Amino acid sequence: MFITGISNESYHRSISEDRRRYERKAAAIRVEIMHPSIGTMIGSTQDISDGGASVQLDGQTIPPVGTEVNVRFIKVAGAINQEPVNMKVMYQQRNTIGLMFA
């Protein structure tokens, strides 16, 4: 694709390469996503990496791209992180959001 005679191919390639900078691991971890105006949402990771996580939210309000949220990851034995971590919504697709550690 060309815009004003300049190819966007390298731009799109750098975005997809950036999105894959960290190796993803399939993992189903319960997630609490908190935001003052939305409340607390409960979801489950589909995959996780050092850069972020893909989280499935069923039947809940999905925060818009760019929203900063506080997140706790919870295992059966208890919270992985006692204090919520700051993350940013990077994409949303149907009932799945991509979160990046901020």
C-alpha atoms as a PDB file:
ATOM      1  CA  MET A   1       0.000   0.000   0.000  1.00  0.00           C
ATOM      2  CA  PHE A   2       1.257   3.472  -0.813  1.00  0.00           C
ATOM      3  CA  ILE A   3       0.383   6.770   0.801  1.00  0.00           C
ATOM      4  CA  THR A   4       1.731   9.839  -0.979  1.00  0.00           C
ATOM      5  CA  GLY A   5       4.178   7.621  -2.841  1.00  0.00           C
ATOM      6  CA  ILE A   6       5.764   6.117   0.291  1.00  0.00           C
ATOM      7  CA  SER A   7       5.391   2.428   1.061  1.00  0.00           C
ATOM      8  CA  ASN A   8       3.796   1.570   4.406  1.00  0.00           C
ATOM      9  CA  GLU A   9       5.077  -2.013   4.259  1.00  0.00           C
ATOM     10  CA  SER A  10       8.083  -1.443   6.521  1.00  0.00           C
ATOM     11  CA  TYR A  11       5.898   0.475   8.990  1.00  0.00           C
ATOM     12  CA  HIS A  12       3.399  -2.407   9.248  1.00  0.00           C
ATOM     13  CA  ARG A  13       6.229  -4.932   9.503  1.00  0.00           C
ATOM     14  CA  SER A  14       7.821  -2.989  12.383  1.00  0.00           C
ATOM     15  CA  ILE A  15       4.495  -2.888  14.242  1.00  0.00           C
ATOM     16  CA  SER A  16       3.972  -6.655  13.933  1.00  0.00           C
ATOM     17  CA  GLU A  17       7.604  -7.335  14.865  1.00  0.00           C
ATOM     18  CA  ASP A  18       7.212  -5.057  17.888  1.00  0.00           C
ATOM     19  CA  ARG A  19       4.078  -6.929  18.931  1.00  0.00           C
ATOM     20  CA  ARG A  20       6.070 -10.177  18.854  1.00  0.00           C
ATOM     21  CA  ARG A  21       9.132  -8.857  20.678  1.00  0.00           C
ATOM     22  CA  TYR A  22       8.450 -11.163  23.640  1.00  0.00           C
ATOM     23  CA  GLU A  23       7.880 -14.899  23.448  1.00  0.00           C
ATOM     24  CA  ARG A  24       4.298 -15.756  24.308  1.00  0.00           C
ATOM     25  CA  LYS A  25       3.342 -18.677  26.512  1.00  0.00           C
ATOM     26  CA  ALA A  26      -0.156 -20.162  26.517  1.00  0.00           C
ATOM     27  CA  ALA A  27      -1.509 -19.800  30.040  1.00  0.00           C
ATOM     28  CA  ALA A  28      -4.948 -19.693  31.622  1.00  0.00           C
ATOM     29  CA  ILE A  29      -4.566 -17.422  34.640  1.00  0.00           C
ATOM     30  CA  ARG A  30      -7.481 -15.611  36.273  1.00  0.00           C
ATOM     31  CA  VAL A  31      -7.183 -11.842  35.944  1.00  0.00           C
ATOM     32  CA  GLU A  32      -8.801  -8.953  37.837  1.00  0.00           C
ATOM     33  CA  ILE A  33      -8.767  -5.754  35.794  1.00  0.00           C
ATOM     34  CA  MET A  34      -9.639  -2.604  37.733  1.00  0.00           C
ATOM     35  CA  HIS A  35     -10.478   0.886  36.504  1.00  0.00           C
ATOM     36  CA  PRO A  36     -12.207   3.672  38.493  1.00  0.00           C
ATOM     37  CA  SER A  37     -14.883   4.399  35.873  1.00  0.00           C
ATOM     38  CA  ILE A  38     -15.477   0.804  34.732  1.00  0.00           C
ATOM     39  CA  GLY A  39     -15.113  -1.091  38.008  1.00  0.00           C
ATOM     40  CA  THR A  40     -13.585  -4.556  38.307  1.00  0.00           C
ATOM     41  CA  MET A  41     -13.649  -6.977  35.400  1.00  0.00           C
ATOM     42  CA  ILE A  42     -12.781 -10.656  35.698  1.00  0.00           C
ATOM     43  CA  GLY A  43     -11.123 -12.479  32.833  1.00  0.00           C
ATOM     44  CA  SER A  44      -8.657 -15.174  31.932  1.00  0.00           C
ATOM     45  CA  THR A  45      -5.372 -14.963  30.062  1.00  0.00           C
ATOM     46  CA  GLN A  46      -5.058 -16.791  26.766  1.00  0.00           C
ATOM     47  CA  ASP A  47      -1.343 -16.163  26.631  1.00  0.00           C
ATOM     48  CA  ILE A  48       1.196 -14.124  28.527  1.00  0.00           C
ATOM     49  CA  SER A  49       4.686 -12.761  27.907  1.00  0.00           C
ATOM     50  CA  ASP A  50       7.199 -10.419  29.521  1.00  0.00           C
ATOM     51  CA  GLY A  51       5.528  -7.607  27.589  1.00  0.00           C
ATOM     52  CA  GLY A  52       1.879  -8.241  28.378  1.00  0.00           C
ATOM     53  CA  ALA A  53      -1.064 -10.595  28.092  1.00  0.00           C
ATOM     54  CA  SER A  54      -4.046 -11.438  25.948  1.00  0.00           C
ATOM     55  CA  VAL A  55      -7.123 -11.548  28.187  1.00  0.00           C
ATOM     56  CA  GLN A  56     -10.592 -12.869  27.435  1.00  0.00           C
ATOM     57  CA  LEU A  57     -13.514 -11.042  29.075  1.00  0.00           C
ATOM     58  CA  ASP A  58     -16.947 -12.639  28.707  1.00  0.00           C
ATOM     59  CA  GLY A  59     -20.074 -10.509  28.865  1.00  0.00           C
ATOM     60  CA  GLN A  60     -18.389  -7.463  30.353  1.00  0.00           C
ATOM     61  CA  THR A  61     -17.691  -3.906  29.342  1.00  0.00           C
ATOM     62  CA  ILE A  62     -14.437  -3.853  27.412  1.00  0.00           C
ATOM     63  CA  PRO A  63     -12.211  -0.847  28.098  1.00  0.00           C
ATOM     64  CA  PRO A  64     -11.241   1.191  25.026  1.00  0.00           C
ATOM     65  CA  VAL A  65      -7.773   1.017  23.471  1.00  0.00           C
ATOM     66  CA  GLY A  66      -5.384   3.313  25.335  1.00  0.00           C
ATOM     67  CA  THR A  67      -7.083   2.857  28.725  1.00  0.00           C
ATOM     68  CA  GLU A  68      -4.696   2.358  31.634  1.00  0.00           C
ATOM     69  CA  VAL A  69      -5.890  -0.284  34.076  1.00  0.00           C
ATOM     70  CA  ASN A  70      -4.630  -1.977  37.239  1.00  0.00           C
ATOM     71  CA  VAL A  71      -4.302  -5.746  36.976  1.00  0.00           C
ATOM     72  CA  ARG A  72      -3.894  -8.625  39.401  1.00  0.00           C
ATOM     73  CA  PHE A  73      -3.040 -12.128  38.200  1.00  0.00           C
ATOM     74  CA  ILE A  74      -4.547 -14.843  40.402  1.00  0.00           C
ATOM     75  CA  LYS A  75      -3.774 -18.558  40.645  1.00  0.00           C
ATOM     76  CA  VAL A  76      -5.749 -21.162  42.578  1.00  0.00           C
ATOM     77  CA  ALA A  77      -3.363 -20.758  45.531  1.00  0.00           C
ATOM     78  CA  GLY A  78      -3.752 -16.964  45.603  1.00  0.00           C
ATOM     79  CA  ALA A  79      -2.625 -13.794  43.884  1.00  0.00           C
ATOM     80  CA  ILE A  80       0.566 -13.896  41.866  1.00  0.00           C
ATOM     81  CA  ASN A  81       0.972 -10.177  42.515  1.00  0.00           C
ATOM     82  CA  GLN A  82      -0.499  -8.723  45.719  1.00  0.00           C
ATOM     83  CA  GLU A  83      -0.306  -5.158  44.440  1.00  0.00           C
ATOM     84  CA  PRO A  84      -1.992  -4.543  41.072  1.00  0.00           C
ATOM     85  CA  VAL A  85       0.319  -3.721  38.171  1.00  0.00           C
ATOM     86  CA  ASN A  86      -0.337  -0.872  35.760  1.00  0.00           C
ATOM     87  CA  MET A  87      -1.137  -2.046  32.227  1.00  0.00           C
ATOM     88  CA  LYS A  88      -2.446  -0.411  29.071  1.00  0.00           C
ATOM     89  CA  VAL A  89      -5.094  -1.734  26.668  1.00  0.00           C
ATOM     90  CA  MET A  90      -3.327  -2.087  23.307  1.00  0.00           C
ATOM     91  CA  TYR A  91      -6.075  -3.759  21.263  1.00  0.00           C
ATOM     92  CA  GLN A  92      -9.554  -5.163  21.549  1.00  0.00           C
ATOM     93  CA  GLN A  93     -11.094  -7.812  19.369  1.00  0.00           C
ATOM     94  CA  ARG A  94     -14.579  -9.067  20.221  1.00  0.00           C
ATOM     95  CA  ASN A  95     -14.274 -10.201  23.844  1.00  0.00           C
ATOM     96  CA  THR A  96     -10.465 -10.219  23.982  1.00  0.00           C
ATOM     97  CA  ILE A  97      -8.132  -7.391  24.942  1.00  0.00           C
ATOM     98  CA  GLY A  98      -4.379  -7.115  24.633  1.00  0.00           C
ATOM     99  CA  LEU A  99      -2.687  -5.640  27.696  1.00  0.00           C
ATOM    100  CA  MET A 100       0.865  -4.272  27.792  1.00  0.00           C
ATOM    101  CA  PHE A 101       2.806  -3.745  31.010  1.00  0.00           C
ATOM    102  CA  ALA A 102       3.184   0.006  31.490  1.00  0.00           C
END
